[in-house]
Amino acid sequence: MESHLAVLPPIAAVWLAAGLLADGLPRLANARAVRRHSGWLLGLVLSGLALTATVLVAGLLGTGDNPADRAAAALDMTAVPALIVAVCTVRRVRRLWAGAGAFAAAPGTPAPYGLRAAAAHPLIGLPLQVTALLTVAGMIAASGGDRFTAPGVTGPAITAGALGILAVGVRHALRHNRLAERARAPEAASTRASRPLHV
């Protein structure tokens, strides 16, 4: 295996693990589990950002067609979603981890719908999964050579990828809205109950 290809699978594995872990966070019914998994997710996200930034910076500093340049070229597409992860996702995961800590003092405490809605926010799962998808695509393109950059293949592949990202984004938005509505339902019920009775 070429040296630049040896760097890419660990980075792709970290982003894939982070995307899968983020996808499962809203399904956790226990506050302690949400805190534990969000801590793991934060560690994976920071590791993925560090690895990706290291490869991209090494490619920028390199000269000529060396392995660092080829590895960085394979990760070019991940720069924008990784930046979104660094700016938006890290902050939300840290807030989720801290918020879950407030409920996780007693074992078996159920995770409130508000906490699960925060875990389902599209800015947590979507950027991670897009970064994972583009990292895998870059790794495949780097290992496959010209087969994946042919004119007859590139167009359909980009279209399929864009439709897949759109479907994932819609799924995250619908799940977040459903959990947020459930979180607001008890508040609305308590507000109605506290209104004065008009005769």
C-alpha atoms as a PDB file:
ATOM      1  CA  MET A   1       0.000   0.000   0.000  1.00  0.00           C
ATOM      2  CA  GLU A   2       1.274   3.429  -0.914  1.00  0.00           C
ATOM      3  CA  SER A   3       2.206   5.627   2.033  1.00  0.00           C
ATOM      4  CA  HIS A   4      -0.423   8.292   1.304  1.00  0.00           C
ATOM      5  CA  LEU A   5      -3.130   5.611   1.188  1.00  0.00           C
ATOM      6  CA  ALA A   6      -2.052   4.216   4.561  1.00  0.00           C
ATOM      7  CA  VAL A   7      -2.969   7.534   6.216  1.00  0.00           C
ATOM      8  CA  LEU A   8      -6.510   7.745   4.845  1.00  0.00           C
ATOM      9  CA  PRO A   9      -8.262   4.621   6.296  1.00  0.00           C
ATOM     10  CA  PRO A  10      -7.717   5.609   9.965  1.00  0.00           C
ATOM     11  CA  ILE A  11      -9.082   9.090   9.275  1.00  0.00           C
ATOM     12  CA  ALA A  12     -12.098   7.644   7.456  1.00  0.00           C
ATOM     13  CA  ALA A  13     -12.662   5.160  10.309  1.00  0.00           C
ATOM     14  CA  VAL A  14     -12.682   7.971  12.903  1.00  0.00           C
ATOM     15  CA  TRP A  15     -15.199  10.046  10.918  1.00  0.00           C
ATOM     16  CA  LEU A  16     -17.400   7.020  10.224  1.00  0.00           C
ATOM     17  CA  ALA A  17     -17.410   6.070  13.914  1.00  0.00           C
ATOM     18  CA  ALA A  18     -18.303   9.654  14.851  1.00  0.00           C
ATOM     19  CA  GLY A  19     -21.132   9.743  12.306  1.00  0.00           C
ATOM     20  CA  LEU A  20     -22.590   6.456  13.536  1.00  0.00           C
ATOM     21  CA  LEU A  21     -22.299   7.489  17.188  1.00  0.00           C
ATOM     22  CA  ALA A  22     -23.991  10.842  16.498  1.00  0.00           C
ATOM     23  CA  ASP A  23     -26.814   9.078  14.668  1.00  0.00           C
ATOM     24  CA  GLY A  24     -27.535   6.897  17.690  1.00  0.00           C
ATOM     25  CA  LEU A  25     -27.468   9.665  20.339  1.00  0.00           C
ATOM     26  CA  PRO A  26     -31.156  10.706  20.054  1.00  0.00           C
ATOM     27  CA  ARG A  27     -32.277   7.094  20.508  1.00  0.00           C
ATOM     28  CA  LEU A  28     -30.683   6.823  23.953  1.00  0.00           C
ATOM     29  CA  ALA A  29     -33.359   6.880  26.654  1.00  0.00           C
ATOM     30  CA  ASN A  30     -30.975   7.182  29.620  1.00  0.00           C
ATOM     31  CA  ALA A  31     -29.326  10.505  30.562  1.00  0.00           C
ATOM     32  CA  ARG A  32     -26.156   8.803  31.793  1.00  0.00           C
ATOM     33  CA  ALA A  33     -25.839   6.991  28.436  1.00  0.00           C
ATOM     34  CA  VAL A  34     -26.287  10.290  26.590  1.00  0.00           C
ATOM     35  CA  ARG A  35     -23.478  11.838  28.651  1.00  0.00           C
ATOM     36  CA  ARG A  36     -21.165   8.866  28.134  1.00  0.00           C
ATOM     37  CA  HIS A  37     -21.798   8.638  24.381  1.00  0.00           C
ATOM     38  CA  SER A  38     -21.527  12.397  23.872  1.00  0.00           C
ATOM     39  CA  GLY A  39     -18.146  12.283  25.652  1.00  0.00           C
ATOM     40  CA  TRP A  40     -16.994   9.554  23.294  1.00  0.00           C
ATOM     41  CA  LEU A  41     -18.334  11.553  20.359  1.00  0.00           C
ATOM     42  CA  LEU A  42     -16.442  14.644  21.463  1.00  0.00           C
ATOM     43  CA  GLY A  43     -13.215  12.641  21.618  1.00  0.00           C
ATOM     44  CA  LEU A  44     -13.787  11.169  18.147  1.00  0.00           C
ATOM     45  CA  VAL A  45     -14.638  14.562  16.662  1.00  0.00           C
ATOM     46  CA  LEU A  46     -11.522  16.208  18.085  1.00  0.00           C
ATOM     47  CA  SER A  47      -9.390  13.274  16.877  1.00  0.00           C
ATOM     48  CA  GLY A  48     -10.896  13.479  13.388  1.00  0.00           C
ATOM     49  CA  LEU A  49     -10.320  17.217  13.211  1.00  0.00           C
ATOM     50  CA  ALA A  50      -6.715  16.855  14.393  1.00  0.00           C
ATOM     51  CA  LEU A  51      -5.923  14.081  11.899  1.00  0.00           C
ATOM     52  CA  THR A  52      -7.599  15.864   8.985  1.00  0.00           C
ATOM     53  CA  ALA A  53      -5.938  19.198   9.787  1.00  0.00           C
ATOM     54  CA  THR A  54      -2.536  17.499  10.097  1.00  0.00           C
ATOM     55  CA  VAL A  55      -2.826  15.916   6.652  1.00  0.00           C
ATOM     56  CA  LEU A  56      -4.132  19.094   5.011  1.00  0.00           C
ATOM     57  CA  VAL A  57      -1.413  21.276   6.575  1.00  0.00           C
ATOM     58  CA  ALA A  58       1.265  18.744   5.594  1.00  0.00           C
ATOM     59  CA  GLY A  59      -0.048  18.909   2.032  1.00  0.00           C
ATOM     60  CA  LEU A  60       0.081  22.706   2.035  1.00  0.00           C
ATOM     61  CA  LEU A  61       3.643  22.724   3.328  1.00  0.00           C
ATOM     62  CA  GLY A  62       4.810  19.997   0.968  1.00  0.00           C
ATOM     63  CA  THR A  63       6.354  20.678  -2.404  1.00  0.00           C
ATOM     64  CA  GLY A  64       5.961  18.528  -5.459  1.00  0.00           C
ATOM     65  CA  ASP A  65       4.156  15.217  -5.891  1.00  0.00           C
ATOM     66  CA  ASN A  66       4.980  13.613  -2.556  1.00  0.00           C
ATOM     67  CA  PRO A  67       2.753  11.311  -0.416  1.00  0.00           C
ATOM     68  CA  ALA A  68       1.654  14.190   1.836  1.00  0.00           C
ATOM     69  CA  ASP A  69       0.388  16.137  -1.191  1.00  0.00           C
ATOM     70  CA  ARG A  70      -1.512  13.111  -2.523  1.00  0.00           C
ATOM     71  CA  ALA A  71      -3.105  12.415   0.872  1.00  0.00           C
ATOM     72  CA  ALA A  72      -4.104  16.072   1.227  1.00  0.00           C
ATOM     73  CA  ALA A  73      -5.577  16.058  -2.281  1.00  0.00           C
ATOM     74  CA  ALA A  74      -7.765  13.097  -1.294  1.00  0.00           C
ATOM     75  CA  LEU A  75      -9.077  15.102   1.680  1.00  0.00           C
ATOM     76  CA  ASP A  76      -9.621  18.393  -0.159  1.00  0.00           C
ATOM     77  CA  MET A  77     -13.388  17.870  -0.284  1.00  0.00           C
ATOM     78  CA  THR A  78     -13.582  17.343   3.482  1.00  0.00           C
ATOM     79  CA  ALA A  79     -12.153  20.757   4.366  1.00  0.00           C
ATOM     80  CA  VAL A  80     -15.485  22.631   4.304  1.00  0.00           C
ATOM     81  CA  PRO A  81     -17.584  20.100   6.277  1.00  0.00           C
ATOM     82  CA  ALA A  82     -14.705  19.616   8.734  1.00  0.00           C
ATOM     83  CA  LEU A  83     -14.655  23.386   9.264  1.00  0.00           C
ATOM     84  CA  ILE A  84     -18.412  23.308   9.961  1.00  0.00           C
ATOM     85  CA  VAL A  85     -17.790  20.499  12.444  1.00  0.00           C
ATOM     86  CA  ALA A  86     -15.104  22.585  14.172  1.00  0.00           C
ATOM     87  CA  VAL A  87     -17.255  25.732  14.326  1.00  0.00           C
ATOM     88  CA  CYS A  88     -20.734  24.314  15.044  1.00  0.00           C
ATOM     89  CA  THR A  89     -20.684  20.643  16.002  1.00  0.00           C
ATOM     90  CA  VAL A  90     -17.975  20.728  18.671  1.00  0.00           C
ATOM     91  CA  ARG A  91     -19.783  23.475  20.587  1.00  0.00           C
ATOM     92  CA  ARG A  92     -23.127  21.649  20.423  1.00  0.00           C
ATOM     93  CA  VAL A  93     -21.631  18.324  21.516  1.00  0.00           C
ATOM     94  CA  ARG A  94     -19.917  20.014  24.476  1.00  0.00           C
ATOM     95  CA  ARG A  95     -23.210  21.636  25.500  1.00  0.00           C
ATOM     96  CA  LEU A  96     -24.984  18.305  25.127  1.00  0.00           C
ATOM     97  CA  TRP A  97     -22.365  16.578  27.282  1.00  0.00           C
ATOM     98  CA  ALA A  98     -22.678  19.259  29.974  1.00  0.00           C
ATOM     99  CA  GLY A  99     -26.469  19.232  29.816  1.00  0.00           C
ATOM    100  CA  ALA A 100     -26.613  15.459  30.146  1.00  0.00           C
ATOM    101  CA  GLY A 101     -24.383  15.725  33.212  1.00  0.00           C
ATOM    102  CA  ALA A 102     -27.098  17.686  35.000  1.00  0.00           C
ATOM    103  CA  PHE A 103     -29.502  14.742  34.637  1.00  0.00           C
ATOM    104  CA  ALA A 104     -27.040  11.880  34.957  1.00  0.00           C
ATOM    105  CA  ALA A 105     -26.336  12.164  38.699  1.00  0.00           C
ATOM    106  CA  ALA A 106     -28.775   9.359  39.485  1.00  0.00           C
ATOM    107  CA  PRO A 107     -28.445   6.124  37.510  1.00  0.00           C
ATOM    108  CA  GLY A 108     -31.408   5.264  35.361  1.00  0.00           C
ATOM    109  CA  THR A 109     -32.592   8.857  34.989  1.00  0.00           C
ATOM    110  CA  PRO A 110     -34.517   9.001  31.712  1.00  0.00           C
ATOM    111  CA  ALA A 111     -33.247  11.459  29.127  1.00  0.00           C
ATOM    112  CA  PRO A 112     -35.823  14.241  28.689  1.00  0.00           C
ATOM    113  CA  TYR A 113     -37.100  14.952  25.210  1.00  0.00           C
ATOM    114  CA  GLY A 114     -35.356  18.329  25.237  1.00  0.00           C
ATOM    115  CA  LEU A 115     -31.987  16.625  25.715  1.00  0.00           C
ATOM    116  CA  ARG A 116     -32.755  14.104  22.986  1.00  0.00           C
ATOM    117  CA  ALA A 117     -33.897  16.913  20.670  1.00  0.00           C
ATOM    118  CA  ALA A 118     -30.555  18.660  21.269  1.00  0.00           C
ATOM    119  CA  ALA A 119     -28.780  15.390  20.425  1.00  0.00           C
ATOM    120  CA  ALA A 120     -30.809  15.134  17.213  1.00  0.00           C
ATOM    121  CA  HIS A 121     -29.969  18.654  16.015  1.00  0.00           C
ATOM    122  CA  PRO A 122     -28.929  18.561  12.337  1.00  0.00           C
ATOM    123  CA  LEU A 123     -25.735  20.515  13.091  1.00  0.00           C
ATOM    124  CA  ILE A 124     -24.480  17.577  15.153  1.00  0.00           C
ATOM    125  CA  GLY A 125     -25.120  14.577  12.935  1.00  0.00           C
ATOM    126  CA  LEU A 126     -25.203  16.016   9.419  1.00  0.00           C
ATOM    127  CA  PRO A 127     -21.738  17.657   9.264  1.00  0.00           C
ATOM    128  CA  LEU A 128     -20.141  14.548  10.768  1.00  0.00           C
ATOM    129  CA  GLN A 129     -21.824  12.215   8.300  1.00  0.00           C
ATOM    130  CA  VAL A 130     -21.049  14.469   5.328  1.00  0.00           C
ATOM    131  CA  THR A 131     -17.396  14.613   6.421  1.00  0.00           C
ATOM    132  CA  ALA A 132     -17.329  10.820   6.744  1.00  0.00           C
ATOM    133  CA  LEU A 133     -18.927  10.373   3.316  1.00  0.00           C
ATOM    134  CA  LEU A 134     -16.489  12.753   1.601  1.00  0.00           C
ATOM    135  CA  THR A 135     -13.502  11.197   3.378  1.00  0.00           C
ATOM    136  CA  VAL A 136     -14.497   7.731   2.160  1.00  0.00           C
ATOM    137  CA  ALA A 137     -15.129   9.103  -1.339  1.00  0.00           C
ATOM    138  CA  GLY A 138     -11.696  10.760  -1.388  1.00  0.00           C
ATOM    139  CA  MET A 139     -10.040   7.559  -0.181  1.00  0.00           C
ATOM    140  CA  ILE A 140     -11.785   5.515  -2.880  1.00  0.00           C
ATOM    141  CA  ALA A 141     -10.854   8.048  -5.570  1.00  0.00           C
ATOM    142  CA  ALA A 142      -7.224   8.077  -4.387  1.00  0.00           C
ATOM    143  CA  SER A 143      -6.998   4.288  -4.480  1.00  0.00           C
ATOM    144  CA  GLY A 144      -8.980   3.794  -7.687  1.00  0.00           C
ATOM    145  CA  GLY A 145      -7.136   6.166  -9.960  1.00  0.00           C
ATOM    146  CA  ASP A 146      -8.838   7.206 -13.187  1.00  0.00           C
ATOM    147  CA  ARG A 147     -11.773   4.789 -12.909  1.00  0.00           C
ATOM    148  CA  PHE A 148     -13.654   7.124 -10.545  1.00  0.00           C
ATOM    149  CA  THR A 149     -12.779  10.374 -12.289  1.00  0.00           C
ATOM    150  CA  ALA A 150     -13.968   9.369 -15.766  1.00  0.00           C
ATOM    151  CA  PRO A 151     -16.568  11.755 -17.256  1.00  0.00           C
ATOM    152  CA  GLY A 152     -19.231   9.047 -17.361  1.00  0.00           C
ATOM    153  CA  VAL A 153     -18.796   8.202 -13.686  1.00  0.00           C
ATOM    154  CA  THR A 154     -18.155  11.529 -11.979  1.00  0.00           C
ATOM    155  CA  GLY A 155     -21.506  13.167 -12.816  1.00  0.00           C
ATOM    156  CA  PRO A 156     -23.760  10.336 -11.561  1.00  0.00           C
ATOM    157  CA  ALA A 157     -21.551   9.877  -8.489  1.00  0.00           C
ATOM    158  CA  ILE A 158     -21.835  13.566  -7.553  1.00  0.00           C
ATOM    159  CA  THR A 159     -25.601  13.506  -8.132  1.00  0.00           C
ATOM    160  CA  ALA A 160     -26.042  10.376  -6.009  1.00  0.00           C
ATOM    161  CA  GLY A 161     -23.888  11.870  -3.256  1.00  0.00           C
ATOM    162  CA  ALA A 162     -25.825  15.148  -3.253  1.00  0.00           C
ATOM    163  CA  LEU A 163     -29.170  13.300  -3.095  1.00  0.00           C
ATOM    164  CA  GLY A 164     -27.851  11.130  -0.270  1.00  0.00           C
ATOM    165  CA  ILE A 165     -26.706  14.196   1.708  1.00  0.00           C
ATOM    166  CA  LEU A 166     -30.091  15.861   1.120  1.00  0.00           C
ATOM    167  CA  ALA A 167     -31.929  12.749   2.345  1.00  0.00           C
ATOM    168  CA  VAL A 168     -29.747  12.568   5.471  1.00  0.00           C
ATOM    169  CA  GLY A 169     -30.336  16.262   6.181  1.00  0.00           C
ATOM    170  CA  VAL A 170     -34.117  15.916   5.836  1.00  0.00           C
ATOM    171  CA  ARG A 171     -34.069  12.883   8.133  1.00  0.00           C
ATOM    172  CA  HIS A 172     -32.124  14.773  10.808  1.00  0.00           C
ATOM    173  CA  ALA A 173     -34.441  17.797  10.576  1.00  0.00           C
ATOM    174  CA  LEU A 174     -37.605  15.680  10.865  1.00  0.00           C
ATOM    175  CA  ARG A 175     -36.278  13.747  13.847  1.00  0.00           C
ATOM    176  CA  HIS A 176     -35.158  16.932  15.600  1.00  0.00           C
ATOM    177  CA  ASN A 177     -38.568  18.579  15.045  1.00  0.00           C
ATOM    178  CA  ARG A 178     -40.439  15.513  16.309  1.00  0.00           C
ATOM    179  CA  LEU A 179     -38.417  15.372  19.537  1.00  0.00           C
ATOM    180  CA  ALA A 180     -38.631  19.153  20.022  1.00  0.00           C
ATOM    181  CA  GLU A 181     -42.431  19.010  19.719  1.00  0.00           C
ATOM    182  CA  ARG A 182     -42.553  16.258  22.340  1.00  0.00           C
ATOM    183  CA  ALA A 183     -40.365  18.375  24.613  1.00  0.00           C
ATOM    184  CA  ARG A 184     -42.738  21.342  24.222  1.00  0.00           C
ATOM    185  CA  ALA A 185     -45.900  19.296  24.783  1.00  0.00           C
ATOM    186  CA  PRO A 186     -45.615  19.079  28.625  1.00  0.00           C
ATOM    187  CA  GLU A 187     -44.873  22.826  28.803  1.00  0.00           C
ATOM    188  CA  ALA A 188     -47.975  23.602  26.759  1.00  0.00           C
ATOM    189  CA  ALA A 189     -50.075  21.291  28.936  1.00  0.00           C
ATOM    190  CA  SER A 190     -48.822  22.905  32.159  1.00  0.00           C
ATOM    191  CA  THR A 191     -49.521  26.367  30.722  1.00  0.00           C
ATOM    192  CA  ARG A 192     -53.103  25.382  29.901  1.00  0.00           C
ATOM    193  CA  ALA A 193     -53.563  23.897  33.368  1.00  0.00           C
ATOM    194  CA  SER A 194     -52.336  27.084  35.073  1.00  0.00           C
ATOM    195  CA  ARG A 195     -54.752  29.396  33.209  1.00  0.00           C
ATOM    196  CA  PRO A 196     -57.610  30.800  35.336  1.00  0.00           C
ATOM    197  CA  LEU A 197     -60.979  29.190  34.822  1.00  0.00           C
ATOM    198  CA  HIS A 198     -63.450  31.566  33.150  1.00  0.00           C
ATOM    199  CA  VAL A 199     -67.118  30.934  33.888  1.00  0.00           C
END
